[in-house]
Amino acid sequence: MLELKNVTKVFNPGTVNEKLALDNFSLTLEDGDFVTVIGGNGAGKSTMMNAIAGVWPVDAGQILIDGVDVTKLPEHKRAKFLGRVFQDPMTGTAASMGIEENLALAKRRGHTRFLRPGITKREREEYKELLKILGLGLEERLTSKVGLLSGGQRQALTLLMATLQKPKLLLLDEHTAALDPKTAAKVLETTEYIVNKDHLTTLMITHNMKDAITHGNRLIMLMDGKIILDIRGEEKKKLTVEDLLHKFEEASGEEFANDKAILG
């Protein structure tokens, strides 16, 4: 479903600030894979995500989504393949519009959008049923402005919007990092439910080692723009945070210094 073949990305080439962010990077995701991604600051996690989304061009290599070469496609043309949820709950929704209006925009994504007024009764019923999945009571607040929602409610809604069209690939960029632990757990539970229900191929960046171990069928760790650990199947099911730290030290030759990940 996703292939990154020998992708390289260098920022500020030829300057004192030159940074090799992705170093001949290769990764393959099968249909339905749910891969969690961890690594310290500057490891290449967000660079990888932005390369897939087409935020900027890569310097070398190929990116294929469901067999389609999207390497040269601009960001807006890749949008039909992708759903994405960002770290900031304010990104991904229109604050001044109602919940049902935001869902209607997401529903029409990739199709011609007409500025005709109103949302049909059938659509409204569909949105109510979808919102019930979240368990946040939002199905009774269809006309509420999204800007009035809490961070957790807004992030859960963004997740629903990102998966409404059942994308080829779902990108979750530390989508619970800005939430309190209880809300983060709820959003992750909802994420797992939607991903499994719709059999979505998913990449989830997290700074929380426990979450990376608990969720998904595969875990990768990045360092200096490369994958240094790739754990899946039974090995991942038995994994502990201590195991993961030990494996990191073995693979990298140094201690894992990201306190947020360890404390998480």
Protein backbone atom coordinates (compact mmCIF):
# COMPACT_ATOMS: atom_id res chain seq x y z
CA MET A 1 0.00 0.00 0.00
CA LEU A 2 2.99 2.30 0.60
CA GLU A 3 6.52 2.03 -0.78
CA LEU A 4 9.34 4.43 -0.08
CA LYS A 5 12.32 3.45 -2.21
CA ASN A 6 15.73 4.94 -1.39
CA VAL A 7 14.27 8.33 -0.48
CA THR A 8 16.76 11.08 0.36
CA LYS A 9 15.96 14.56 1.65
CA VAL A 10 18.55 17.22 2.48
CA PHE A 11 17.60 20.57 4.00
CA ASN A 12 19.73 23.69 3.38
CA PRO A 13 22.18 21.87 1.06
CA GLY A 14 25.59 23.45 0.65
CA THR A 15 25.23 25.65 3.76
CA VAL A 16 26.54 25.40 7.32
CA ASN A 17 22.98 24.35 8.28
CA GLU A 18 22.91 21.39 5.88
CA LYS A 19 20.88 18.53 7.37
CA LEU A 20 20.49 15.04 5.91
CA ALA A 21 16.95 14.34 7.12
CA LEU A 22 16.23 11.12 5.20
CA ASP A 23 19.21 8.98 4.23
CA ASN A 24 18.47 6.55 1.37
CA PHE A 25 15.28 5.68 3.28
CA SER A 26 13.20 2.63 2.31
CA LEU A 27 9.96 1.37 3.85
CA THR A 28 7.14 -0.90 2.63
CA LEU A 29 3.67 -1.10 4.23
CA GLU A 30 1.28 -3.90 3.31
CA ASP A 31 -2.47 -3.32 3.01
CA GLY A 32 -3.91 -2.99 6.54
CA ASP A 33 -0.56 -2.52 8.33
CA PHE A 34 -0.74 -0.26 11.41
CA VAL A 35 2.84 0.92 11.99
CA THR A 36 3.89 3.01 14.98
CA VAL A 37 6.96 5.24 14.56
CA ILE A 38 9.28 6.44 17.32
CA GLY A 39 12.64 8.21 17.49
CA GLY A 40 14.33 11.18 19.11
CA ASN A 41 14.18 14.78 17.90
CA GLY A 42 15.69 15.11 14.43
CA ALA A 43 15.42 11.36 13.74
CA GLY A 44 13.43 11.99 10.54
CA LYS A 45 9.90 11.08 11.68
CA SER A 46 8.10 14.23 10.51
CA THR A 47 10.34 14.51 7.44
CA MET A 48 9.21 11.01 6.42
CA MET A 49 5.55 11.95 6.97
CA ASN A 50 5.89 15.20 4.99
CA ALA A 51 7.68 13.38 2.17
CA ILE A 52 4.75 10.95 1.87
CA ALA A 53 2.22 13.80 1.98
CA GLY A 54 4.13 15.81 -0.65
CA VAL A 55 4.71 18.87 1.54
CA TRP A 56 7.95 19.38 -0.41
CA PRO A 57 9.82 17.40 -3.10
CA VAL A 58 12.37 14.73 -2.17
CA ASP A 59 15.90 14.91 -3.58
CA ALA A 60 16.09 11.27 -4.66
CA GLY A 61 14.07 8.06 -4.56
CA GLN A 62 10.47 7.05 -5.22
CA ILE A 63 7.19 7.13 -3.29
CA LEU A 64 4.35 4.83 -4.34
CA ILE A 65 0.86 4.64 -2.80
CA ASP A 66 -1.15 1.54 -3.77
CA GLY A 67 1.15 1.05 -6.76
CA VAL A 68 0.80 4.64 -8.02
CA ASP A 69 4.03 6.65 -8.27
CA VAL A 70 3.24 9.93 -6.46
CA THR A 71 6.86 11.14 -6.20
CA LYS A 72 6.30 14.11 -8.51
CA LEU A 73 2.69 14.81 -7.49
CA PRO A 74 2.07 18.06 -5.54
CA GLU A 75 0.50 17.92 -2.09
CA HIS A 76 -3.05 18.77 -3.19
CA LYS A 77 -3.06 15.94 -5.77
CA ARG A 78 -1.91 13.39 -3.17
CA ALA A 79 -4.75 14.40 -0.85
CA LYS A 80 -7.15 11.92 -2.51
CA PHE A 81 -4.94 9.03 -1.33
CA LEU A 82 -4.34 10.29 2.20
CA GLY A 83 -6.00 11.09 5.50
CA ARG A 84 -3.89 13.07 7.96
CA VAL A 85 -4.24 14.18 11.58
CA PHE A 86 -1.73 16.64 13.00
CA GLN A 87 -0.41 17.26 16.51
CA ASP A 88 -2.26 20.57 16.87
CA PRO A 89 -6.02 20.02 17.46
CA MET A 90 -6.64 23.39 15.76
CA THR A 91 -5.34 22.03 12.42
CA GLY A 92 -7.65 20.07 10.17
CA THR A 93 -11.00 21.65 11.05
CA ALA A 94 -12.72 24.96 10.24
CA ALA A 95 -13.30 26.58 13.65
CA SER A 96 -16.03 28.99 12.54
CA MET A 97 -18.15 26.25 10.95
CA GLY A 98 -20.43 23.74 12.63
CA ILE A 99 -19.61 20.07 13.27
CA GLU A 100 -21.95 18.88 10.51
CA GLU A 101 -20.51 21.43 8.05
CA ASN A 102 -16.97 20.22 8.75
CA LEU A 103 -18.07 16.62 8.17
CA ALA A 104 -19.84 17.63 4.94
CA LEU A 105 -16.62 19.22 3.65
CA ALA A 106 -14.67 16.05 4.48
CA LYS A 107 -17.36 13.92 2.82
CA ARG A 108 -17.06 15.92 -0.42
CA ARG A 109 -13.26 15.77 -0.47
CA GLY A 110 -11.96 14.77 -3.88
CA HIS A 111 -15.33 15.54 -5.48
CA THR A 112 -16.64 18.73 -7.03
CA ARG A 113 -17.92 20.85 -4.16
CA PHE A 114 -20.97 22.99 -4.79
CA LEU A 115 -21.85 25.97 -2.65
CA ARG A 116 -25.43 24.88 -2.37
CA PRO A 117 -27.00 25.61 1.00
CA GLY A 118 -27.92 23.04 3.59
CA ILE A 119 -27.12 19.45 4.44
CA THR A 120 -29.64 16.76 3.59
CA LYS A 121 -31.56 14.89 6.27
CA ARG A 122 -29.91 11.64 5.12
CA GLU A 123 -26.45 13.17 5.51
CA ARG A 124 -27.33 14.47 8.96
CA GLU A 125 -28.41 11.00 10.09
CA GLU A 126 -25.19 9.54 8.69
CA TYR A 127 -23.09 12.09 10.61
CA LYS A 128 -24.99 11.36 13.83
CA GLU A 129 -24.20 7.66 13.53
CA LEU A 130 -20.53 8.38 12.81
CA LEU A 131 -20.22 10.74 15.77
CA LYS A 132 -21.67 8.12 18.12
CA ILE A 133 -18.48 6.09 17.51
CA LEU A 134 -16.53 8.78 19.40
CA GLY A 135 -18.65 8.47 22.55
CA LEU A 136 -18.36 12.20 23.24
CA GLY A 137 -22.00 13.24 22.80
CA LEU A 138 -21.17 15.27 19.68
CA GLU A 139 -24.04 13.64 17.77
CA GLU A 140 -26.36 15.92 19.79
CA ARG A 141 -24.34 19.03 18.87
CA LEU A 142 -24.28 18.91 15.07
CA THR A 143 -24.65 22.67 14.63
CA SER A 144 -22.14 23.65 17.36
CA LYS A 145 -19.17 25.65 16.11
CA VAL A 146 -16.03 23.49 16.10
CA GLY A 147 -14.07 26.35 17.70
CA LEU A 148 -16.10 25.80 20.88
CA LEU A 149 -14.98 22.18 21.27
CA SER A 150 -12.22 21.02 23.61
CA GLY A 151 -8.88 19.91 22.16
CA GLY A 152 -9.77 16.24 22.58
CA GLN A 153 -13.22 16.61 21.01
CA ARG A 154 -11.71 18.51 18.10
CA GLN A 155 -8.97 15.93 17.57
CA ALA A 156 -11.49 13.09 17.63
CA LEU A 157 -13.59 14.95 15.05
CA THR A 158 -10.50 15.52 12.88
CA LEU A 159 -9.78 11.79 13.02
CA LEU A 160 -13.33 11.06 11.87
CA MET A 161 -13.00 13.59 9.03
CA ALA A 162 -9.62 12.17 7.93
CA THR A 163 -11.07 8.65 7.65
CA LEU A 164 -14.51 9.49 6.25
CA GLN A 165 -13.45 8.71 2.66
CA LYS A 166 -11.49 5.59 3.73
CA PRO A 167 -8.07 6.81 2.53
CA LYS A 168 -5.43 4.49 1.05
CA LEU A 169 -3.12 5.64 3.84
CA LEU A 170 -3.79 7.31 7.20
CA LEU A 171 -1.00 9.52 8.59
CA LEU A 172 -1.13 10.31 12.32
CA ASP A 173 1.53 12.85 13.26
CA GLU A 174 1.74 12.74 17.10
CA HIS A 175 -2.02 13.31 17.06
CA THR A 176 -2.41 12.82 20.85
CA ALA A 177 0.73 14.73 21.99
CA ALA A 178 -1.16 17.95 22.83
CA LEU A 179 -3.87 16.17 24.85
CA ASP A 180 -4.05 15.27 28.54
CA PRO A 181 -3.42 11.56 29.26
CA LYS A 182 -7.09 10.61 29.75
CA THR A 183 -8.20 12.36 26.55
CA ALA A 184 -5.20 10.98 24.64
CA ALA A 185 -6.16 7.44 25.69
CA LYS A 186 -9.73 8.00 24.46
CA VAL A 187 -8.55 9.34 21.08
CA LEU A 188 -6.15 6.39 20.71
CA GLU A 189 -8.93 3.93 21.54
CA THR A 190 -11.07 5.56 18.84
CA THR A 191 -8.14 5.47 16.42
CA GLU A 192 -7.68 1.73 16.95
CA TYR A 193 -11.41 1.12 16.46
CA ILE A 194 -11.63 3.10 13.19
CA VAL A 195 -8.38 1.65 11.77
CA ASN A 196 -9.52 -1.92 12.48
CA LYS A 197 -13.12 -1.37 11.35
CA ASP A 198 -12.11 0.09 7.98
CA HIS A 199 -8.89 -1.95 7.59
CA LEU A 200 -6.89 1.26 7.09
CA THR A 201 -3.16 1.20 6.37
CA THR A 202 -1.78 3.55 9.02
CA LEU A 203 1.47 5.25 10.03
CA MET A 204 1.39 6.75 13.54
CA ILE A 205 4.23 8.85 14.95
CA THR A 206 4.27 8.94 18.74
CA HIS A 207 6.67 10.11 21.46
CA ASN A 208 5.14 7.61 23.87
CA MET A 209 6.88 4.21 23.92
CA LYS A 210 3.99 2.46 25.68
CA ASP A 211 1.56 3.66 23.01
CA ALA A 212 3.96 2.58 20.26
CA ILE A 213 4.12 -0.91 21.79
CA THR A 214 0.39 -1.21 22.59
CA HIS A 215 -0.98 -0.12 19.22
CA GLY A 216 -0.45 -1.48 15.75
CA ASN A 217 1.09 -4.67 14.36
CA ARG A 218 4.54 -3.23 13.68
CA LEU A 219 6.92 -0.71 15.28
CA ILE A 220 9.81 1.13 13.64
CA MET A 221 12.41 3.36 15.27
CA LEU A 222 14.22 6.06 13.31
CA MET A 223 17.61 7.63 13.94
CA ASP A 224 19.55 10.02 11.69
CA GLY A 225 17.10 9.55 8.82
CA LYS A 226 17.26 5.75 8.83
CA ILE A 227 15.24 2.87 10.28
CA ILE A 228 17.34 1.25 13.01
CA LEU A 229 14.63 -1.03 14.45
CA ASP A 230 11.72 -2.80 12.77
CA ILE A 231 9.71 -5.02 15.13
CA ARG A 232 6.54 -6.90 14.20
CA GLY A 233 4.35 -9.92 14.84
CA GLU A 234 4.86 -12.01 17.98
CA GLU A 235 8.06 -10.14 18.86
CA LYS A 236 6.10 -6.87 19.07
CA LYS A 237 3.31 -8.42 21.15
CA LYS A 238 5.84 -9.50 23.81
CA LEU A 239 7.78 -6.23 23.76
CA THR A 240 8.25 -4.07 26.89
CA VAL A 241 9.62 -0.52 27.22
CA GLU A 242 12.78 -1.98 28.79
CA ASP A 243 13.21 -4.37 25.82
CA LEU A 244 12.80 -1.48 23.42
CA LEU A 245 15.39 0.68 25.19
CA HIS A 246 17.81 -2.24 25.19
CA LYS A 247 17.24 -2.89 21.48
CA PHE A 248 17.79 0.80 20.73
CA GLU A 249 21.10 0.81 22.59
CA GLU A 250 22.19 -2.35 20.73
CA ALA A 251 21.20 -0.96 17.33
CA SER A 252 22.56 2.56 17.78
CA GLY A 253 25.45 2.12 20.19
CA GLU A 254 24.09 4.86 22.45
CA GLU A 255 21.42 5.44 25.10
CA PHE A 256 17.98 6.65 24.09
CA ALA A 257 17.96 10.22 25.37
CA ASN A 258 14.38 11.33 24.72
CA ASP A 259 12.93 11.78 28.23
CA LYS A 260 9.43 12.30 26.90
CA ALA A 261 9.48 8.89 25.24
CA ILE A 262 10.93 7.15 28.30
CA LEU A 263 8.60 8.86 30.77
CA GLY A 264 5.66 8.23 28.45
